[in-house]
């Protein structure tokens, strides 16, 4: 992850975390009562959520007087009386006792949702706590006419010092574009526009030529192995063009083809390495019958004004060279600065040791997995194949990187606090306009969407981290 990628660490004081937790407990982890308990008496419920880091965990123990609990029950029951439609009773005239017995569970849940969030919010404000995770509620004791009691555990940001951060140094790369780099890129541009032309001379294939061949291959080995291979896709190709001596051409093909002429038939074997990309050939020996159909040579375009105009809106080849050099210089500088910032953040991560909230780590793993799944989808992977992936193993594999990313973000946030770095509304607006442009979404639609899902707060966090990383990079010059 880039040192400035978003890791959300800002608590949301407006959220209703307890009712949200109540309605989204993990499958199979619902509230339960002790088996030995009298169900007509107090209910002791437990909600189990993700594991929290004990060093970042805080707990509040909350109790509400019985009279307030009774008032809440009465309010909810009256609402049910007005809404209930029960055969044999007129609307609004259903006896309270029937309402309480018929809708006991729903009434109780409504009371919980009415009381717990407000009491939790008051408790964390009284104790000056800022949760960054959903609270895990335990020991809910709720019964009409008795005090409400419950506990809520949650994570907070760790306290740590970043004293001496300005002394952390990494080597700055040379960002100057060299002539060799420029010429190599110019050659790649020519290669991308190269053409293949038939060779009419009476000669054999040479390194650098392109051979037009037809081939058939047969896997060698034990009969069972050969029989199994025969059931796979045939090893064959018609009018295939391969570069003789090319980096991607196997040595056995290069050796066999050099000197061969059109019309010539070749027989040779190829032993494939065990790590060969095509798994049906990996570790196998294949006997090939190859016929050379023709010889072609690569013709690179000359660096003329006409060639430059074919590439785009360039006035001349010199105009193209100038703009290509400018682009490459800017890109090398951008890439070098970004890599240096990443190394700086990694150095800070190594230097400072402090507990990392598990909820942030898990959220970052989610982000990394989502990014990976999107990439697989873009590559054509089907949704049903994605569902077969071992997500537990994938989460474990992503954990170390996610921890480093969260830790780096927390360090950048702490440095920003020390330096008093802030992001202006204008800077957020510019980023919002860019996002809307990239997503081809109307600006106000993007604004509404990002406001509702907390995206604007994450954008502000990201921009502040970018400012902080830039400040650290500039400090390398001092």
Protein backbone atom coordinates (compact mmCIF):
# COMPACT_ATOMS: atom_id res chain seq x y z
CA UNK A 1 0.00 0.00 0.00
CA UNK A 2 1.16 3.52 -0.66
CA UNK A 3 1.98 5.44 2.50
CA UNK A 4 -0.96 7.70 1.80
CA UNK A 5 -3.66 5.14 1.08
CA UNK A 6 -6.72 5.36 3.25
CA UNK A 7 -6.99 3.41 6.49
CA UNK A 8 -10.06 4.60 8.35
CA UNK A 9 -9.30 5.43 11.98
CA UNK A 10 -11.70 8.27 12.73
CA UNK A 11 -14.38 7.42 15.34
CA UNK A 12 -17.94 8.25 14.29
CA UNK A 13 -19.62 9.93 17.28
CA UNK A 14 -22.94 10.12 15.44
CA UNK A 15 -23.18 6.38 14.87
CA UNK A 16 -25.60 4.13 16.73
CA UNK A 17 -23.04 1.40 17.42
CA UNK A 18 -24.98 -0.77 19.81
CA UNK A 19 -28.15 -1.20 17.77
CA UNK A 20 -25.94 -1.74 14.74
CA UNK A 21 -24.13 -4.52 16.58
CA UNK A 22 -27.39 -5.98 17.80
CA UNK A 23 -28.71 -6.31 14.27
CA UNK A 24 -25.53 -7.60 12.68
CA UNK A 25 -24.10 -10.25 14.96
CA UNK A 26 -22.03 -12.89 13.12
CA UNK A 27 -23.94 -15.95 11.96
CA UNK A 28 -24.21 -18.56 14.68
CA UNK A 29 -23.29 -16.08 17.43
CA UNK A 30 -26.70 -14.90 18.55
CA UNK A 31 -27.70 -13.85 22.04
CA UNK A 32 -28.25 -16.72 24.41
CA UNK A 33 -29.41 -17.32 27.98
CA UNK A 34 -27.65 -19.55 30.48
CA UNK A 35 -29.33 -22.94 30.37
CA UNK A 36 -29.70 -23.07 34.16
CA UNK A 37 -31.31 -19.63 34.36
CA UNK A 38 -34.95 -18.99 35.25
CA UNK A 39 -36.29 -17.43 32.02
CA UNK A 40 -39.00 -15.60 33.95
CA UNK A 41 -36.32 -13.65 35.75
CA UNK A 42 -33.44 -11.49 34.50
CA UNK A 43 -32.07 -12.34 31.07
CA UNK A 44 -28.26 -12.39 30.86
CA UNK A 45 -27.28 -12.04 27.22
CA UNK A 46 -23.88 -12.14 25.54
CA UNK A 47 -22.82 -10.83 22.17
CA UNK A 48 -19.57 -12.20 20.79
CA UNK A 49 -17.83 -10.12 18.12
CA UNK A 50 -14.38 -10.09 16.52
CA UNK A 51 -11.40 -10.54 18.80
CA UNK A 52 -10.15 -7.22 20.19
CA UNK A 53 -6.59 -6.30 21.09
CA UNK A 54 -6.63 -6.28 24.92
CA UNK A 55 -4.09 -3.42 25.00
CA UNK A 56 -6.48 -1.22 23.01
CA UNK A 57 -9.72 -2.41 24.62
CA UNK A 58 -11.82 -0.39 27.04
CA UNK A 59 -15.04 -1.41 28.78
CA UNK A 60 -17.90 0.56 30.27
CA UNK A 61 -20.28 -0.87 32.87
CA UNK A 62 -23.65 0.85 32.58
CA UNK A 63 -26.72 0.82 34.82
CA UNK A 64 -30.03 2.67 34.37
CA UNK A 65 -32.62 3.15 37.13
CA UNK A 66 -35.70 0.93 37.13
CA UNK A 67 -38.14 3.82 36.70
CA UNK A 68 -36.52 4.84 33.39
CA UNK A 69 -36.67 1.23 32.19
CA UNK A 70 -40.38 1.10 33.10
CA UNK A 71 -41.09 4.35 31.26
CA UNK A 72 -39.41 2.97 28.13
CA UNK A 73 -41.40 -0.29 28.31
CA UNK A 74 -44.65 1.66 28.75
CA UNK A 75 -43.85 3.89 25.77
CA UNK A 76 -43.11 0.93 23.52
CA UNK A 77 -46.18 -1.03 24.69
CA UNK A 78 -48.45 1.96 23.98
CA UNK A 79 -47.03 2.20 20.47
CA UNK A 80 -47.76 -1.49 19.92
CA UNK A 81 -51.29 -1.03 21.24
CA UNK A 82 -51.95 1.62 18.59
CA UNK A 83 -50.45 -0.46 15.80
CA UNK A 84 -51.62 -3.98 16.69
CA UNK A 85 -54.35 -5.59 14.62
CA UNK A 86 -55.65 -8.67 16.49
CA UNK A 87 -58.93 -10.42 15.59
CA UNK A 88 -61.65 -9.82 18.18
CA UNK A 89 -60.32 -6.44 19.27
CA UNK A 90 -60.85 -2.98 17.86
CA UNK A 91 -57.79 -1.03 16.75
CA UNK A 92 -56.15 0.57 19.77
CA UNK A 93 -58.24 -1.44 22.23
CA UNK A 94 -56.08 -4.55 22.59
CA UNK A 95 -55.41 -5.20 26.31
CA UNK A 96 -51.93 -4.32 27.47
CA UNK A 97 -51.43 -7.79 28.95
CA UNK A 98 -52.11 -9.42 25.57
CA UNK A 99 -49.76 -6.98 23.83
CA UNK A 100 -47.00 -7.76 26.34
CA UNK A 101 -47.38 -11.53 25.96
CA UNK A 102 -47.94 -11.60 22.18
CA UNK A 103 -45.05 -9.26 21.29
CA UNK A 104 -42.73 -9.83 24.25
CA UNK A 105 -39.55 -10.40 22.23
CA UNK A 106 -40.16 -7.50 19.84
CA UNK A 107 -41.02 -5.13 22.67
CA UNK A 108 -37.88 -6.10 24.52
CA UNK A 109 -35.73 -5.54 21.42
CA UNK A 110 -37.31 -2.12 20.84
CA UNK A 111 -36.56 -1.13 24.43
CA UNK A 112 -32.95 -2.26 24.01
CA UNK A 113 -32.62 -0.19 20.85
CA UNK A 114 -34.21 2.79 22.58
CA UNK A 115 -32.06 2.69 25.72
CA UNK A 116 -28.65 1.14 25.00
CA UNK A 117 -27.28 3.53 22.34
CA UNK A 118 -28.07 6.66 24.35
CA UNK A 119 -26.71 5.19 27.57
CA UNK A 120 -23.57 3.98 25.82
CA UNK A 121 -23.01 7.40 24.22
CA UNK A 122 -23.42 9.12 27.58
CA UNK A 123 -20.98 6.70 29.23
CA UNK A 124 -18.19 7.16 26.68
CA UNK A 125 -18.61 10.95 26.78
CA UNK A 126 -18.46 10.92 30.57
CA UNK A 127 -15.25 8.89 30.42
CA UNK A 128 -13.79 10.87 27.48
CA UNK A 129 -13.49 7.73 25.36
CA UNK A 130 -13.55 7.57 21.56
CA UNK A 131 -14.43 4.08 20.29
CA UNK A 132 -13.04 3.09 16.89
CA UNK A 133 -14.84 -0.26 16.77
CA UNK A 134 -18.36 -1.50 17.25
CA UNK A 135 -18.98 -2.14 20.94
CA UNK A 136 -19.33 -5.74 21.99
CA UNK A 137 -22.24 -5.84 24.44
CA UNK A 138 -22.37 -8.42 27.21
CA UNK A 139 -24.46 -9.16 30.28
CA UNK A 140 -27.61 -7.34 29.22
CA UNK A 141 -29.96 -7.51 32.21
CA UNK A 142 -33.28 -6.04 31.19
CA UNK A 143 -36.66 -6.57 32.81
CA UNK A 144 -39.56 -4.19 33.23
CA UNK A 145 -39.51 -2.71 36.73
CA UNK A 146 -35.83 -3.48 37.34
CA UNK A 147 -32.63 -1.52 36.60
CA UNK A 148 -31.02 -2.03 33.20
CA UNK A 149 -27.45 -3.26 33.35
CA UNK A 150 -25.00 -4.06 30.55
CA UNK A 151 -21.32 -3.94 29.66
CA UNK A 152 -19.80 -2.78 26.38
CA UNK A 153 -16.21 -3.44 25.25
CA UNK A 154 -14.59 -1.64 22.34
CA UNK A 155 -11.24 -0.54 20.98
CA UNK A 156 -9.67 2.91 21.13
CA UNK A 157 -6.63 4.35 19.41
CA UNK A 158 -3.39 3.55 21.24
CA UNK A 159 -1.34 6.18 23.03
CA UNK A 160 2.22 6.36 21.72
CA UNK A 161 4.98 8.85 21.08
CA UNK A 162 6.61 9.68 17.75
CA UNK A 163 9.41 11.74 19.28
CA UNK A 164 12.42 11.82 17.00
CA UNK A 165 10.49 11.06 13.82
CA UNK A 166 12.33 13.86 12.03
CA UNK A 167 15.59 11.98 12.53
CA UNK A 168 14.40 8.94 10.57
CA UNK A 169 16.23 8.97 7.24
CA UNK A 170 16.20 6.94 4.05
CA UNK A 171 18.28 7.34 0.93
CA UNK A 172 16.79 9.54 -1.78
CA UNK A 173 17.14 8.13 -5.30
CA UNK A 174 18.54 10.07 -8.23
CA UNK A 175 15.43 11.30 -10.04
CA UNK A 176 17.28 12.53 -13.13
CA UNK A 177 16.28 10.79 -16.35
CA UNK A 178 19.35 9.37 -18.06
CA UNK A 179 19.98 9.33 -21.81
CA UNK A 180 20.15 5.53 -21.68
CA UNK A 181 16.67 5.33 -20.09
CA UNK A 182 15.27 7.71 -22.68
CA UNK A 183 16.81 5.88 -25.63
CA UNK A 184 15.59 2.53 -24.29
CA UNK A 185 12.04 3.84 -24.09
CA UNK A 186 12.29 5.36 -27.55
CA UNK A 187 13.38 1.95 -28.83
CA UNK A 188 10.39 0.32 -27.11
CA UNK A 189 8.11 2.77 -28.91
CA UNK A 190 9.68 1.77 -32.23
CA UNK A 191 9.36 -1.93 -31.32
CA UNK A 192 5.65 -1.45 -30.63
CA UNK A 193 5.19 -0.17 -34.19
CA UNK A 194 7.47 -2.69 -35.88
CA UNK A 195 6.23 -4.74 -38.84
CA UNK A 196 7.17 -8.22 -40.07
CA UNK A 197 8.07 -8.59 -43.73
CA UNK A 198 8.77 -11.84 -45.65
CA UNK A 199 12.38 -12.62 -46.50
CA UNK A 200 12.76 -13.50 -50.17
CA UNK A 201 16.47 -14.34 -50.03
CA UNK A 202 17.44 -18.00 -50.27
CA UNK A 203 18.85 -18.38 -46.79
CA UNK A 204 18.25 -20.10 -43.49
CA UNK A 205 16.80 -18.65 -40.31
CA UNK A 206 19.05 -16.35 -38.29
CA UNK A 207 18.81 -14.96 -34.79
CA UNK A 208 16.45 -12.01 -34.85
CA UNK A 209 14.31 -13.52 -37.60
CA UNK A 210 10.72 -14.56 -37.09
CA UNK A 211 9.99 -18.14 -38.12
CA UNK A 212 6.52 -18.99 -39.42
CA UNK A 213 6.00 -22.63 -38.41
CA UNK A 214 3.46 -25.41 -38.08
CA UNK A 215 4.11 -27.84 -35.23
CA UNK A 216 2.77 -30.98 -33.57
CA UNK A 217 3.98 -32.26 -30.21
CA UNK A 218 3.67 -35.58 -28.40
CA UNK A 219 4.45 -36.07 -24.72
CA UNK A 220 7.01 -38.81 -24.08
CA UNK A 221 7.18 -41.11 -21.05
CA UNK A 222 5.41 -44.07 -19.48
CA UNK A 223 2.32 -45.37 -21.32
CA UNK A 224 -0.05 -44.27 -18.54
CA UNK A 225 1.46 -40.81 -18.54
CA UNK A 226 1.22 -40.53 -22.32
CA UNK A 227 -2.38 -41.78 -22.26
CA UNK A 228 -3.32 -39.19 -19.62
CA UNK A 229 -1.65 -36.43 -21.64
CA UNK A 230 -3.59 -37.47 -24.74
CA UNK A 231 -6.81 -36.51 -22.98
CA UNK A 232 -5.65 -32.90 -22.59
CA UNK A 233 -5.59 -30.15 -25.20
CA UNK A 234 -3.45 -31.18 -28.23
CA UNK A 235 0.02 -29.68 -28.51
CA UNK A 236 -0.16 -28.13 -31.95
CA UNK A 237 -0.14 -24.90 -33.86
CA UNK A 238 -0.53 -23.74 -37.46
CA UNK A 239 1.24 -20.74 -38.98
CA UNK A 240 2.64 -19.71 -35.61
CA UNK A 241 5.28 -16.97 -35.59
CA UNK A 242 8.14 -17.16 -33.08
CA UNK A 243 11.22 -15.03 -32.70
CA UNK A 244 14.44 -16.98 -33.22
CA UNK A 245 16.73 -16.13 -30.33
CA UNK A 246 13.99 -14.19 -28.58
CA UNK A 247 13.84 -14.00 -24.77
CA UNK A 248 10.55 -15.90 -24.69
CA UNK A 249 11.64 -18.62 -27.13
CA UNK A 250 12.89 -21.88 -25.60
CA UNK A 251 16.55 -22.70 -26.28
CA UNK A 252 15.62 -26.03 -27.89
CA UNK A 253 13.50 -24.24 -30.50
CA UNK A 254 16.24 -21.65 -31.10
CA UNK A 255 18.85 -24.36 -31.64
CA UNK A 256 16.65 -26.35 -33.99
CA UNK A 257 15.47 -23.40 -36.07
CA UNK A 258 18.75 -21.56 -36.69
CA UNK A 259 19.81 -22.36 -40.26
CA UNK A 260 16.54 -24.03 -41.26
CA UNK A 261 14.93 -22.97 -44.55
CA UNK A 262 11.28 -22.71 -45.64
CA UNK A 263 9.86 -26.13 -46.52
CA UNK A 264 12.26 -27.93 -44.20
CA UNK A 265 10.82 -30.37 -41.66
CA UNK A 266 12.46 -30.75 -38.25
CA UNK A 267 12.22 -33.31 -35.47
CA UNK A 268 13.50 -32.58 -31.97
CA UNK A 269 12.62 -32.98 -28.30
CA UNK A 270 12.08 -30.35 -25.64
CA UNK A 271 12.42 -31.04 -21.91
CA UNK A 272 10.29 -28.53 -20.00
CA UNK A 273 11.26 -27.33 -16.51
CA UNK A 274 9.05 -28.27 -13.59
CA UNK A 275 7.99 -24.65 -13.07
CA UNK A 276 6.96 -24.11 -16.71
CA UNK A 277 3.94 -21.83 -17.04
CA UNK A 278 1.83 -24.30 -19.04
CA UNK A 279 1.17 -26.91 -16.33
CA UNK A 280 0.34 -29.68 -18.84
CA UNK A 281 3.95 -29.41 -20.12
CA UNK A 282 5.75 -28.71 -16.83
CA UNK A 283 8.35 -31.39 -16.14
CA UNK A 284 7.47 -33.24 -19.37
CA UNK A 285 9.51 -34.15 -22.46
CA UNK A 286 7.77 -33.45 -25.77
CA UNK A 287 8.76 -34.74 -29.21
CA UNK A 288 8.03 -32.14 -31.89
CA UNK A 289 7.46 -32.34 -35.63
CA UNK A 290 8.00 -28.85 -37.03
CA UNK A 291 7.67 -27.53 -40.59
CA UNK A 292 9.20 -24.16 -41.44
CA UNK A 293 6.68 -22.29 -43.60
CA UNK A 294 8.49 -19.00 -44.00
CA UNK A 295 11.00 -16.44 -42.74
CA UNK A 296 10.15 -12.91 -41.74
CA UNK A 297 12.26 -10.09 -40.43
CA UNK A 298 11.27 -7.27 -38.15
CA UNK A 299 11.36 -3.80 -39.68
CA UNK A 300 11.57 -0.92 -37.20
CA UNK A 301 10.06 2.40 -38.31
CA UNK A 302 12.42 5.28 -38.90
CA UNK A 303 12.22 8.24 -36.53
CA UNK A 304 10.68 10.67 -38.96
CA UNK A 305 8.11 13.44 -38.67
CA UNK A 306 5.54 11.17 -40.31
CA UNK A 307 6.17 8.50 -37.67
CA UNK A 308 5.68 11.06 -34.90
CA UNK A 309 2.35 12.13 -36.39
CA UNK A 310 1.22 8.49 -36.46
CA UNK A 311 1.81 8.33 -32.70
CA UNK A 312 -0.41 11.31 -31.89
CA UNK A 313 -0.75 15.03 -32.14
CA UNK A 314 2.93 15.81 -32.56
CA UNK A 315 4.25 18.40 -35.00
CA UNK A 316 7.55 16.63 -35.64
CA UNK A 317 9.83 13.90 -34.37
CA UNK A 318 11.64 16.47 -32.25
CA UNK A 319 8.33 17.54 -30.72
CA UNK A 320 7.64 13.89 -29.89
CA UNK A 321 11.11 13.37 -28.41
CA UNK A 322 10.77 16.48 -26.26
CA UNK A 323 7.35 15.52 -24.92
CA UNK A 324 8.39 11.91 -24.36
CA UNK A 325 11.42 13.05 -22.37
CA UNK A 326 9.30 15.47 -20.33
CA UNK A 327 6.76 12.74 -19.58
CA UNK A 328 9.43 10.22 -18.62
CA UNK A 329 11.19 12.73 -16.38
CA UNK A 330 7.96 13.58 -14.58
CA UNK A 331 7.01 9.92 -14.24
CA UNK A 332 10.42 8.91 -12.89
CA UNK A 333 10.27 11.74 -10.38
CA UNK A 334 6.71 10.86 -9.31
CA UNK A 335 7.53 7.19 -8.94
CA UNK A 336 10.78 7.89 -7.10
CA UNK A 337 9.15 10.28 -4.65
CA UNK A 338 6.30 7.84 -3.96
CA UNK A 339 8.73 4.95 -3.38
CA UNK A 340 10.84 7.11 -1.06
CA UNK A 341 7.78 8.12 0.95
CA UNK A 342 6.84 4.46 1.30
CA UNK A 343 10.35 3.60 2.52
CA UNK A 344 10.15 6.48 5.00
CA UNK A 345 6.86 5.23 6.42
CA UNK A 346 8.22 1.68 6.57
CA UNK A 347 11.23 2.97 8.51
CA UNK A 348 8.89 4.71 10.97
CA UNK A 349 6.86 1.51 11.31
CA UNK A 350 10.05 -0.35 12.22
CA UNK A 351 11.12 2.30 14.73
CA UNK A 352 7.97 2.76 16.80
CA UNK A 353 6.36 -0.10 18.68
CA UNK A 354 2.80 0.16 20.01
CA UNK A 355 -0.37 -1.96 20.13
CA UNK A 356 -2.50 -1.97 16.99
CA UNK A 357 -6.30 -2.14 17.24
CA UNK A 358 -7.49 -5.45 15.83
CA UNK A 359 -10.66 -3.89 14.41
CA UNK A 360 -8.56 -1.63 12.17
CA UNK A 361 -6.43 -4.57 11.05
CA UNK A 362 -9.49 -6.60 10.11
CA UNK A 363 -11.00 -3.64 8.25
CA UNK A 364 -7.78 -3.20 6.29
CA UNK A 365 -7.71 -6.90 5.43
CA UNK A 366 -11.25 -6.44 4.07
CA UNK A 367 -10.03 -3.56 1.91
CA UNK A 368 -7.08 -5.57 0.59
CA UNK A 369 -9.27 -8.59 -0.20
CA UNK A 370 -11.86 -6.43 -1.92
CA UNK A 371 -9.12 -4.86 -4.03
CA UNK A 372 -7.81 -8.30 -4.94
CA UNK A 373 -11.24 -9.64 -5.87
CA UNK A 374 -11.87 -6.63 -8.08
CA UNK A 375 -8.59 -7.31 -9.86
CA UNK A 376 -9.53 -10.96 -10.37
CA UNK A 377 -12.92 -9.92 -11.74
CA UNK A 378 -11.24 -7.51 -14.14
CA UNK A 379 -9.09 -10.41 -15.35
CA UNK A 380 -12.22 -12.41 -16.11
CA UNK A 381 -12.56 -14.62 -13.02
CA UNK A 382 -16.15 -15.77 -12.52
CA UNK A 383 -18.08 -15.02 -9.33
CA UNK A 384 -18.73 -18.72 -8.69
CA UNK A 385 -14.99 -19.41 -8.86
CA UNK A 386 -14.30 -16.57 -6.43
CA UNK A 387 -16.69 -18.11 -3.92
CA UNK A 388 -14.54 -21.25 -3.94
CA UNK A 389 -11.47 -19.36 -2.73
CA UNK A 390 -10.12 -20.15 0.75
CA UNK A 391 -10.88 -16.81 2.35
CA UNK A 392 -9.60 -17.79 5.78
CA UNK A 393 -6.21 -18.58 4.27
CA UNK A 394 -6.32 -15.36 2.23
CA UNK A 395 -7.08 -13.32 5.36
CA UNK A 396 -4.13 -14.86 7.18
CA UNK A 397 -1.88 -14.13 4.20
CA UNK A 398 -2.96 -10.45 4.16
CA UNK A 399 -2.59 -9.88 7.89
CA UNK A 400 1.05 -8.81 8.11
CA UNK A 401 0.73 -6.28 5.29
CA UNK A 402 -2.52 -4.94 6.74
CA UNK A 403 -0.91 -4.45 10.15
CA UNK A 404 1.93 -2.49 8.58
CA UNK A 405 -0.50 -0.29 6.68
CA UNK A 406 -2.59 0.45 9.76
CA UNK A 407 0.48 1.17 11.83
CA UNK A 408 1.88 3.50 9.18
CA UNK A 409 -1.40 5.40 9.01
CA UNK A 410 -1.54 5.80 12.80
CA UNK A 411 2.02 7.16 12.82
CA UNK A 412 1.27 9.65 10.04
CA UNK A 413 -1.86 10.75 11.90
CA UNK A 414 0.12 11.32 15.10
CA UNK A 415 2.81 13.33 13.29
CA UNK A 416 0.09 15.40 11.60
CA UNK A 417 -1.39 16.16 15.04
CA UNK A 418 1.99 17.25 16.36
CA UNK A 419 2.61 19.49 13.35
CA UNK A 420 -0.92 20.85 13.31
CA UNK A 421 -1.47 19.79 9.71
CA UNK A 422 -5.00 20.26 8.44
CA UNK A 423 -6.85 19.77 5.17
CA UNK A 424 -8.99 22.62 3.86
CA UNK A 425 -12.50 22.26 2.52
CA UNK A 426 -11.19 23.47 -0.83
CA UNK A 427 -8.69 20.60 -0.96
CA UNK A 428 -11.43 18.08 -0.18
CA UNK A 429 -13.63 19.65 -2.85
CA UNK A 430 -10.86 19.34 -5.46
CA UNK A 431 -10.42 15.66 -4.63
CA UNK A 432 -14.18 15.13 -4.76
CA UNK A 433 -14.32 16.69 -8.23
CA UNK A 434 -11.51 14.40 -9.38
CA UNK A 435 -13.32 11.32 -8.03
CA UNK A 436 -16.55 12.34 -9.76
CA UNK A 437 -14.67 12.86 -13.02
CA UNK A 438 -12.91 9.50 -12.82
CA UNK A 439 -16.10 7.63 -11.96
CA UNK A 440 -18.13 9.59 -14.53
CA UNK A 441 -20.60 10.41 -11.79
CA UNK A 442 -22.38 13.76 -11.32
CA UNK A 443 -20.56 15.82 -8.69
CA UNK A 444 -23.55 16.23 -6.38
CA UNK A 445 -24.38 12.53 -6.65
CA UNK A 446 -20.82 11.65 -5.64
CA UNK A 447 -20.95 14.16 -2.81
CA UNK A 448 -24.19 12.67 -1.45
CA UNK A 449 -22.91 9.10 -1.73
CA UNK A 450 -19.59 9.84 -0.03
CA UNK A 451 -21.23 11.91 2.69
CA UNK A 452 -23.65 9.11 3.55
CA UNK A 453 -21.04 6.33 3.66
CA UNK A 454 -18.36 8.34 5.45
CA UNK A 455 -16.24 8.65 2.32
CA UNK A 456 -15.63 12.38 2.74
CA UNK A 457 -14.07 11.81 6.15
CA UNK A 458 -11.81 9.14 4.64
CA UNK A 459 -10.83 11.52 1.83
CA UNK A 460 -9.86 14.15 4.40
CA UNK A 461 -7.81 11.55 6.31
CA UNK A 462 -6.06 10.45 3.12
CA UNK A 463 -5.21 14.01 2.09
CA UNK A 464 -3.78 14.78 5.53
CA UNK A 465 -1.59 11.68 5.38
CA UNK A 466 -0.39 12.71 1.94
CA UNK A 467 0.55 16.12 3.35
CA UNK A 468 2.37 14.47 6.23
CA UNK A 469 4.30 12.10 3.96
CA UNK A 470 5.24 15.04 1.73
CA UNK A 471 6.50 16.91 4.79
CA UNK A 472 8.64 13.94 5.80
CA UNK A 473 10.06 13.71 2.27
CA UNK A 474 10.94 17.38 2.24
CA UNK A 475 12.72 16.87 5.55
CA UNK A 476 15.21 14.59 3.80
CA UNK A 477 16.64 17.69 2.10
CA UNK A 478 17.49 19.32 5.42
